Amino acid sequence: MVSRAKQQHPKQGLLLPAAFIPFAEESGLIDAIGSWVLKEACLQHQRWRRDGVPIARVAVNVANRQMLRSNFLRTVHYLLSLANMQPGNLEIEVTESMFVEGGQAGIEALHALVAAGVRVAIDDFGTGYSSFGYLKTLPAEILKLDKSFLRDAPGNSDAATIIAAMINMAHTLRKEVVAEGVEREDQYRFLQQLGCEKAQGFLFAEALTADEAARFACERARVPRPARSGTDTDLQAA
C-alpha cells in the first residue's frame, strides 16, 4: 500500500483537484487518473457494503475526455462486475461543458449510461456552458446547482429568486436537485422551503477519508460502527 506521504505533494501537502486537474487534462494523464478513481470508488463501495456501512450510492466526477472514449461504457460494466455493484448504486457526474465539447456524442454517451442503469448527474449546473434547451432531452436524472448561486442566498433577493426558479424548472422537468456549497443553517432552511431534495457542503461535513465517511454514515443512521477498516485490500482486484 502506498504511504500517505507519497500520495501528497512533497512541499505543498494535500492538493485540491483544482490544483492538478487542468495539468492532468493538458498532459493526457486525466484518463489514467480518472480510470483509477472510478475503480477505487467502486471497490470502496464494495468494502462499505461488506462492512455493513449504510452508504447506498457513490458519485464519481468524470472528465469529458474520459467520458467520450469509445471504451468508457465497457469500462463501467467491467468495474461494476468487479465490485459486484448494482448500476443504480453508481452515479456519474459530468459538467455542462460536456455538451459543448462532446456535442451529440456526449449526449449519446449519457443515454448509454442511463440505459445501463447508472445514474447521471450534471455537476456545477447553471454556470452558463449550455442552453437550458438541452434539459428537455438530457437523460440526466440529477442537477447539482453550482455553489456560486447559493453564496449570497437567501439574503440577496436576486440570488434567492434565481435559485427558486432553477429548482422549480428542474422539478417541472422531473429532475432531482442537489444544492452544492451549503455552509450555513439559513441556507439549508431556505432550500428546504423551496423543496430541494438534497444538499451538500461544509455545514454537514468537510472532506472525509473512507473510514471517516463510514463512521459518519453509521452515526447518522444510528447503526453500530463497522469493526473493520474501510481501506484494506482483501477484495477483488483487476
C-alpha atoms as a PDB file:
ATOM      1  CA  MET A   1       0.000   0.000   0.000  1.00  0.00           C
ATOM      2  CA  VAL A   2       1.317   3.445  -0.929  1.00  0.00           C
ATOM      3  CA  SER A   3       2.087   5.572   2.099  1.00  0.00           C
ATOM      4  CA  ARG A   4       0.113   8.753   2.741  1.00  0.00           C
ATOM      5  CA  ALA A   5       3.278  10.828   2.347  1.00  0.00           C
ATOM      6  CA  LYS A   6       3.818   9.552  -1.194  1.00  0.00           C
ATOM      7  CA  GLN A   7       0.257  10.483  -2.130  1.00  0.00           C
ATOM      8  CA  GLN A   8       0.863  14.144  -1.356  1.00  0.00           C
ATOM      9  CA  HIS A   9       2.989  16.906  -2.819  1.00  0.00           C
ATOM     10  CA  PRO A  10       6.373  16.894  -1.019  1.00  0.00           C
ATOM     11  CA  LYS A  11       6.182  20.628  -0.251  1.00  0.00           C
ATOM     12  CA  GLN A  12       2.542  21.678  -0.599  1.00  0.00           C
ATOM     13  CA  GLY A  13       0.938  18.663   1.040  1.00  0.00           C
ATOM     14  CA  LEU A  14      -2.537  17.513   0.033  1.00  0.00           C
ATOM     15  CA  LEU A  15      -3.614  19.333  -3.134  1.00  0.00           C
ATOM     16  CA  LEU A  16      -7.170  20.153  -4.118  1.00  0.00           C
ATOM     17  CA  PRO A  17      -8.320  18.890  -7.540  1.00  0.00           C
ATOM     18  CA  ALA A  18      -8.295  22.405  -8.999  1.00  0.00           C
ATOM     19  CA  ALA A  19      -4.528  22.487  -8.485  1.00  0.00           C
ATOM     20  CA  PHE A  20      -3.737  19.489 -10.691  1.00  0.00           C
ATOM     21  CA  ILE A  21      -6.755  18.516 -12.826  1.00  0.00           C
ATOM     22  CA  PRO A  22      -6.087  21.179 -15.529  1.00  0.00           C
ATOM     23  CA  PHE A  23      -2.498  19.937 -15.871  1.00  0.00           C
ATOM     24  CA  ALA A  24      -3.691  16.328 -15.966  1.00  0.00           C
ATOM     25  CA  GLU A  25      -6.100  17.190 -18.790  1.00  0.00           C
ATOM     26  CA  GLU A  26      -3.457  19.053 -20.786  1.00  0.00           C
ATOM     27  CA  SER A  27      -0.868  16.309 -20.369  1.00  0.00           C
ATOM     28  CA  GLY A  28      -3.234  13.442 -21.126  1.00  0.00           C
ATOM     29  CA  LEU A  29      -2.891  11.937 -17.641  1.00  0.00           C
ATOM     30  CA  ILE A  30      -6.572  12.512 -16.917  1.00  0.00           C
ATOM     31  CA  ASP A  31      -7.508   9.171 -18.500  1.00  0.00           C
ATOM     32  CA  ALA A  32      -5.288   7.178 -16.157  1.00  0.00           C
ATOM     33  CA  ILE A  33      -6.310   9.226 -13.119  1.00  0.00           C
ATOM     34  CA  GLY A  34      -9.991   9.014 -13.997  1.00  0.00           C
ATOM     35  CA  SER A  35      -9.876   5.245 -14.504  1.00  0.00           C
ATOM     36  CA  TRP A  36      -8.111   4.764 -11.166  1.00  0.00           C
ATOM     37  CA  VAL A  37     -10.617   6.978  -9.327  1.00  0.00           C
ATOM     38  CA  LEU A  38     -13.606   5.174 -10.842  1.00  0.00           C
ATOM     39  CA  LYS A  39     -12.179   1.772  -9.960  1.00  0.00           C
ATOM     40  CA  GLU A  40     -11.336   2.791  -6.387  1.00  0.00           C
ATOM     41  CA  ALA A  41     -14.809   4.274  -5.897  1.00  0.00           C
ATOM     42  CA  CYS A  42     -16.489   1.037  -6.959  1.00  0.00           C
ATOM     43  CA  LEU A  43     -14.208  -1.092  -4.779  1.00  0.00           C
ATOM     44  CA  GLN A  44     -14.714   1.261  -1.828  1.00  0.00           C
ATOM     45  CA  HIS A  45     -18.461   0.805  -2.166  1.00  0.00           C
ATOM     46  CA  GLN A  46     -17.845  -2.936  -2.056  1.00  0.00           C
ATOM     47  CA  ARG A  47     -15.864  -2.527   1.179  1.00  0.00           C
ATOM     48  CA  TRP A  48     -18.566  -0.400   2.776  1.00  0.00           C
ATOM     49  CA  ARG A  49     -21.247  -2.867   1.761  1.00  0.00           C
ATOM     50  CA  ARG A  50     -19.190  -5.758   3.156  1.00  0.00           C
ATOM     51  CA  ASP A  51     -18.786  -3.921   6.464  1.00  0.00           C
ATOM     52  CA  GLY A  52     -22.462  -3.006   6.730  1.00  0.00           C
ATOM     53  CA  VAL A  53     -21.948   0.741   6.201  1.00  0.00           C
ATOM     54  CA  PRO A  54     -25.232   2.402   5.111  1.00  0.00           C
ATOM     55  CA  ILE A  55     -23.900   4.217   2.044  1.00  0.00           C
ATOM     56  CA  ALA A  56     -26.180   3.325  -0.832  1.00  0.00           C
ATOM     57  CA  ARG A  57     -24.533   5.186  -3.688  1.00  0.00           C
ATOM     58  CA  VAL A  58     -21.174   6.629  -4.678  1.00  0.00           C
ATOM     59  CA  ALA A  59     -20.790   9.565  -7.067  1.00  0.00           C
ATOM     60  CA  VAL A  60     -17.749   9.958  -9.294  1.00  0.00           C
ATOM     61  CA  ASN A  61     -16.786  13.035 -11.311  1.00  0.00           C
ATOM     62  CA  VAL A  62     -15.761  12.050 -14.841  1.00  0.00           C
ATOM     63  CA  ALA A  63     -13.766  14.277 -17.188  1.00  0.00           C
ATOM     64  CA  ASN A  64     -15.201  14.914 -20.653  1.00  0.00           C
ATOM     65  CA  ARG A  65     -12.242  13.299 -22.363  1.00  0.00           C
ATOM     66  CA  GLN A  66     -12.647  10.127 -20.310  1.00  0.00           C
ATOM     67  CA  MET A  67     -16.400  10.047 -20.856  1.00  0.00           C
ATOM     68  CA  LEU A  68     -16.060  10.334 -24.636  1.00  0.00           C
ATOM     69  CA  ARG A  69     -13.668   7.422 -25.004  1.00  0.00           C
ATOM     70  CA  SER A  70     -15.174   4.572 -27.004  1.00  0.00           C
ATOM     71  CA  ASN A  71     -14.447   2.041 -24.261  1.00  0.00           C
ATOM     72  CA  PHE A  72     -15.867   4.074 -21.349  1.00  0.00           C
ATOM     73  CA  LEU A  73     -19.159   2.193 -21.089  1.00  0.00           C
ATOM     74  CA  ARG A  74     -17.330  -1.125 -21.326  1.00  0.00           C
ATOM     75  CA  THR A  75     -15.044   0.002 -18.500  1.00  0.00           C
ATOM     76  CA  VAL A  76     -18.044   0.925 -16.346  1.00  0.00           C
ATOM     77  CA  HIS A  77     -19.631  -2.504 -16.928  1.00  0.00           C
ATOM     78  CA  TYR A  78     -16.346  -4.203 -16.028  1.00  0.00           C
ATOM     79  CA  LEU A  79     -15.892  -2.249 -12.799  1.00  0.00           C
ATOM     80  CA  LEU A  80     -19.493  -2.843 -11.715  1.00  0.00           C
ATOM     81  CA  SER A  81     -18.927  -6.561 -12.221  1.00  0.00           C
ATOM     82  CA  LEU A  82     -15.562  -6.426 -10.458  1.00  0.00           C
ATOM     83  CA  ALA A  83     -17.109  -4.819  -7.370  1.00  0.00           C
ATOM     84  CA  ASN A  84     -20.347  -6.839  -7.596  1.00  0.00           C
ATOM     85  CA  MET A  85     -22.119  -3.493  -7.618  1.00  0.00           C
ATOM     86  CA  GLN A  86     -25.605  -2.649  -8.861  1.00  0.00           C
ATOM     87  CA  PRO A  87     -25.584   0.002 -11.636  1.00  0.00           C
ATOM     88  CA  GLY A  88     -28.033   2.176  -9.701  1.00  0.00           C
ATOM     89  CA  ASN A  89     -25.507   2.486  -6.880  1.00  0.00           C
ATOM     90  CA  LEU A  90     -23.080   4.339  -9.151  1.00  0.00           C
ATOM     91  CA  GLU A  91     -23.603   7.974 -10.077  1.00  0.00           C
ATOM     92  CA  ILE A  92     -21.533   9.550 -12.843  1.00  0.00           C
ATOM     93  CA  GLU A  93     -21.164  13.336 -12.645  1.00  0.00           C
ATOM     94  CA  VAL A  94     -20.306  15.439 -15.701  1.00  0.00           C
ATOM     95  CA  THR A  95     -20.287  19.199 -16.211  1.00  0.00           C
ATOM     96  CA  GLU A  96     -22.313  21.233 -18.687  1.00  0.00           C
ATOM     97  CA  SER A  97     -19.191  21.692 -20.801  1.00  0.00           C
ATOM     98  CA  MET A  98     -19.765  18.100 -21.980  1.00  0.00           C
ATOM     99  CA  PHE A  99     -22.439  19.385 -24.351  1.00  0.00           C
ATOM    100  CA  VAL A 100     -20.080  21.926 -25.890  1.00  0.00           C
ATOM    101  CA  GLU A 101     -17.044  19.663 -26.151  1.00  0.00           C
ATOM    102  CA  GLY A 102     -18.855  16.400 -26.766  1.00  0.00           C
ATOM    103  CA  GLY A 103     -21.898  17.545 -28.712  1.00  0.00           C
ATOM    104  CA  GLN A 104     -24.161  14.726 -29.862  1.00  0.00           C
ATOM    105  CA  ALA A 105     -21.527  12.132 -28.931  1.00  0.00           C
ATOM    106  CA  GLY A 106     -21.633  13.354 -25.336  1.00  0.00           C
ATOM    107  CA  ILE A 107     -25.415  13.127 -25.173  1.00  0.00           C
ATOM    108  CA  GLU A 108     -25.334   9.624 -26.652  1.00  0.00           C
ATOM    109  CA  ALA A 109     -22.753   8.570 -24.055  1.00  0.00           C
ATOM    110  CA  LEU A 110     -25.057   9.773 -21.276  1.00  0.00           C
ATOM    111  CA  HIS A 111     -28.009   7.918 -22.795  1.00  0.00           C
ATOM    112  CA  ALA A 112     -25.918   4.729 -22.870  1.00  0.00           C
ATOM    113  CA  LEU A 113     -25.091   5.069 -19.178  1.00  0.00           C
ATOM    114  CA  VAL A 114     -28.726   5.608 -18.230  1.00  0.00           C
ATOM    115  CA  ALA A 115     -29.772   2.641 -20.365  1.00  0.00           C
ATOM    116  CA  ALA A 116     -27.263   0.559 -18.385  1.00  0.00           C
ATOM    117  CA  GLY A 117     -28.940   1.646 -15.134  1.00  0.00           C
ATOM    118  CA  VAL A 118     -26.231   4.068 -13.992  1.00  0.00           C
ATOM    119  CA  ARG A 119     -27.435   7.372 -12.538  1.00  0.00           C
ATOM    120  CA  VAL A 120     -26.208  10.548 -14.263  1.00  0.00           C
ATOM    121  CA  ALA A 121     -25.835  13.989 -12.676  1.00  0.00           C
ATOM    122  CA  ILE A 122     -24.963  17.359 -14.200  1.00  0.00           C
ATOM    123  CA  ASP A 123     -22.425  18.933 -11.844  1.00  0.00           C
ATOM    124  CA  ASP A 124     -21.988  22.701 -11.354  1.00  0.00           C
ATOM    125  CA  PHE A 125     -25.271  23.245 -13.156  1.00  0.00           C
ATOM    126  CA  GLY A 126     -26.130  26.783 -14.256  1.00  0.00           C
ATOM    127  CA  THR A 127     -22.621  28.057 -14.890  1.00  0.00           C
ATOM    128  CA  GLY A 128     -23.518  29.002 -18.443  1.00  0.00           C
ATOM    129  CA  TYR A 129     -21.894  26.423 -20.697  1.00  0.00           C
ATOM    130  CA  SER A 130     -25.072  25.041 -22.229  1.00  0.00           C
ATOM    131  CA  SER A 131     -28.555  26.136 -23.178  1.00  0.00           C
ATOM    132  CA  PHE A 132     -31.473  25.305 -20.922  1.00  0.00           C
ATOM    133  CA  GLY A 133     -32.990  23.823 -24.065  1.00  0.00           C
ATOM    134  CA  TYR A 134     -30.730  20.818 -23.562  1.00  0.00           C
ATOM    135  CA  LEU A 135     -32.670  19.928 -20.437  1.00  0.00           C
ATOM    136  CA  LYS A 136     -35.631  18.748 -22.494  1.00  0.00           C
ATOM    137  CA  THR A 137     -33.624  15.878 -23.942  1.00  0.00           C
ATOM    138  CA  LEU A 138     -30.891  15.257 -21.371  1.00  0.00           C
ATOM    139  CA  PRO A 139     -31.050  11.805 -19.776  1.00  0.00           C
ATOM    140  CA  ALA A 140     -29.542  13.126 -16.532  1.00  0.00           C
ATOM    141  CA  GLU A 141     -31.736  12.475 -13.502  1.00  0.00           C
ATOM    142  CA  ILE A 142     -29.920  14.874 -11.182  1.00  0.00           C
ATOM    143  CA  LEU A 143     -28.998  18.556 -11.429  1.00  0.00           C
ATOM    144  CA  LYS A 144     -26.395  19.802  -8.963  1.00  0.00           C
ATOM    145  CA  LEU A 145     -26.736  23.563  -8.586  1.00  0.00           C
ATOM    146  CA  ASP A 146     -23.379  25.295  -8.648  1.00  0.00           C
ATOM    147  CA  LYS A 147     -22.314  26.639  -5.253  1.00  0.00           C
ATOM    148  CA  SER A 148     -21.884  30.162  -6.644  1.00  0.00           C
ATOM    149  CA  PHE A 149     -25.667  30.622  -6.693  1.00  0.00           C
ATOM    150  CA  LEU A 150     -26.054  29.877  -3.002  1.00  0.00           C
ATOM    151  CA  ARG A 151     -23.172  32.020  -1.815  1.00  0.00           C
ATOM    152  CA  ASP A 152     -25.303  35.159  -1.299  1.00  0.00           C
ATOM    153  CA  ALA A 153     -28.629  33.464  -0.607  1.00  0.00           C
ATOM    154  CA  PRO A 154     -31.054  33.805   0.977  1.00  0.00           C
ATOM    155  CA  GLY A 155     -30.112  37.357   1.983  1.00  0.00           C
ATOM    156  CA  ASN A 156     -29.651  38.539  -1.600  1.00  0.00           C
ATOM    157  CA  SER A 157     -33.109  38.623  -3.196  1.00  0.00           C
ATOM    158  CA  ASP A 158     -31.783  38.275  -6.760  1.00  0.00           C
ATOM    159  CA  ALA A 159     -29.762  35.177  -5.848  1.00  0.00           C
ATOM    160  CA  ALA A 160     -32.729  33.707  -3.978  1.00  0.00           C
ATOM    161  CA  THR A 161     -35.017  34.291  -6.978  1.00  0.00           C
ATOM    162  CA  ILE A 162     -32.588  32.578  -9.366  1.00  0.00           C
ATOM    163  CA  ILE A 163     -32.245  29.550  -7.094  1.00  0.00           C
ATOM    164  CA  ALA A 164     -36.007  29.259  -6.674  1.00  0.00           C
ATOM    165  CA  ALA A 165     -36.509  29.463 -10.443  1.00  0.00           C
ATOM    166  CA  MET A 166     -33.862  26.812 -11.151  1.00  0.00           C
ATOM    167  CA  ILE A 167     -35.295  24.396  -8.590  1.00  0.00           C
ATOM    168  CA  ASN A 168     -38.819  24.913  -9.912  1.00  0.00           C
ATOM    169  CA  MET A 169     -37.638  24.371 -13.506  1.00  0.00           C
ATOM    170  CA  ALA A 170     -35.802  21.185 -12.558  1.00  0.00           C
ATOM    171  CA  HIS A 171     -38.835  19.808 -10.753  1.00  0.00           C
ATOM    172  CA  THR A 172     -41.074  20.623 -13.714  1.00  0.00           C
ATOM    173  CA  LEU A 173     -38.719  18.519 -15.854  1.00  0.00           C
ATOM    174  CA  ARG A 174     -38.790  15.743 -13.208  1.00  0.00           C
ATOM    175  CA  LYS A 175     -35.145  16.167 -12.239  1.00  0.00           C
ATOM    176  CA  GLU A 176     -33.774  15.650  -8.739  1.00  0.00           C
ATOM    177  CA  VAL A 177     -31.975  18.714  -7.350  1.00  0.00           C
ATOM    178  CA  VAL A 178     -28.837  18.793  -5.213  1.00  0.00           C
ATOM    179  CA  ALA A 179     -27.619  22.156  -3.904  1.00  0.00           C
ATOM    180  CA  GLU A 180     -23.838  22.459  -3.619  1.00  0.00           C
ATOM    181  CA  GLY A 181     -21.899  24.642  -1.197  1.00  0.00           C
ATOM    182  CA  VAL A 182     -24.272  24.691   1.773  1.00  0.00           C
ATOM    183  CA  GLU A 183     -22.325  26.190   4.653  1.00  0.00           C
ATOM    184  CA  ARG A 184     -24.934  27.891   6.853  1.00  0.00           C
ATOM    185  CA  GLU A 185     -28.173  26.916   8.575  1.00  0.00           C
ATOM    186  CA  ASP A 186     -30.124  29.729   6.921  1.00  0.00           C
ATOM    187  CA  GLN A 187     -29.103  28.429   3.502  1.00  0.00           C
ATOM    188  CA  TYR A 188     -30.271  24.943   4.452  1.00  0.00           C
ATOM    189  CA  ARG A 189     -33.635  26.163   5.743  1.00  0.00           C
ATOM    190  CA  PHE A 190     -34.091  28.261   2.589  1.00  0.00           C
ATOM    191  CA  LEU A 191     -33.512  25.198   0.388  1.00  0.00           C
ATOM    192  CA  GLN A 192     -35.931  23.124   2.452  1.00  0.00           C
ATOM    193  CA  GLN A 193     -38.626  25.750   1.920  1.00  0.00           C
ATOM    194  CA  LEU A 194     -38.063  25.509  -1.831  1.00  0.00           C
ATOM    195  CA  GLY A 195     -38.409  21.732  -1.795  1.00  0.00           C
ATOM    196  CA  CYS A 196     -34.785  21.000  -2.699  1.00  0.00           C
ATOM    197  CA  GLU A 197     -34.329  17.265  -2.201  1.00  0.00           C
ATOM    198  CA  LYS A 198     -30.665  17.154  -1.234  1.00  0.00           C
ATOM    199  CA  ALA A 199     -27.773  19.392  -0.259  1.00  0.00           C
ATOM    200  CA  GLN A 200     -24.045  19.061   0.269  1.00  0.00           C
ATOM    201  CA  GLY A 201     -21.450  21.268   1.858  1.00  0.00           C
ATOM    202  CA  PHE A 202     -19.367  22.022   4.925  1.00  0.00           C
ATOM    203  CA  LEU A 203     -22.497  22.521   7.038  1.00  0.00           C
ATOM    204  CA  PHE A 204     -22.785  18.739   7.112  1.00  0.00           C
ATOM    205  CA  ALA A 205     -19.163  17.606   6.889  1.00  0.00           C
ATOM    206  CA  GLU A 206     -15.811  18.515   5.412  1.00  0.00           C
ATOM    207  CA  ALA A 207     -13.996  16.150   3.072  1.00  0.00           C
ATOM    208  CA  LEU A 208     -13.685  12.748   4.758  1.00  0.00           C
ATOM    209  CA  THR A 209     -11.485   9.703   4.346  1.00  0.00           C
ATOM    210  CA  ALA A 210     -13.176   6.365   3.638  1.00  0.00           C
ATOM    211  CA  ASP A 211     -13.039   5.378   7.322  1.00  0.00           C
ATOM    212  CA  GLU A 212     -14.336   8.767   8.446  1.00  0.00           C
ATOM    213  CA  ALA A 213     -17.170   8.583   5.922  1.00  0.00           C
ATOM    214  CA  ALA A 214     -18.103   5.142   7.237  1.00  0.00           C
ATOM    215  CA  ARG A 215     -18.256   6.405  10.823  1.00  0.00           C
ATOM    216  CA  PHE A 216     -20.216   9.483   9.758  1.00  0.00           C
ATOM    217  CA  ALA A 217     -22.781   7.409   7.847  1.00  0.00           C
ATOM    218  CA  CYS A 218     -23.206   4.978  10.730  1.00  0.00           C
ATOM    219  CA  GLU A 219     -23.686   7.791  13.235  1.00  0.00           C
ATOM    220  CA  ARG A 220     -26.309   9.462  11.019  1.00  0.00           C
ATOM    221  CA  ALA A 221     -28.146   6.166  10.527  1.00  0.00           C
ATOM    222  CA  ARG A 222     -27.710   5.263  14.211  1.00  0.00           C
ATOM    223  CA  VAL A 223     -26.220   1.867  13.449  1.00  0.00           C
ATOM    224  CA  PRO A 224     -23.098   0.299  15.005  1.00  0.00           C
ATOM    225  CA  ARG A 225     -19.819   1.490  13.583  1.00  0.00           C
ATOM    226  CA  PRO A 226     -18.011  -1.081  11.408  1.00  0.00           C
ATOM    227  CA  ALA A 227     -15.341  -3.048  13.227  1.00  0.00           C
ATOM    228  CA  ARG A 228     -13.197  -3.442  10.121  1.00  0.00           C
ATOM    229  CA  SER A 229     -11.235  -0.832   8.246  1.00  0.00           C
ATOM    230  CA  GLY A 230     -12.783   0.544   5.087  1.00  0.00           C
ATOM    231  CA  THR A 231      -9.455   0.734   3.283  1.00  0.00           C
ATOM    232  CA  ASP A 232      -7.960  -2.767   3.396  1.00  0.00           C
ATOM    233  CA  THR A 233      -7.085  -4.640   0.245  1.00  0.00           C
ATOM    234  CA  ASP A 234      -8.589  -8.134   0.678  1.00  0.00           C
ATOM    235  CA  LEU A 235     -11.013  -7.518  -2.194  1.00  0.00           C
ATOM    236  CA  GLN A 236     -11.205  -8.429  -5.839  1.00  0.00           C
ATOM    237  CA  ALA A 237      -8.674  -6.624  -7.962  1.00  0.00           C
ATOM    238  CA  ALA A 238      -8.014  -6.385 -11.671  1.00  0.00           C
END
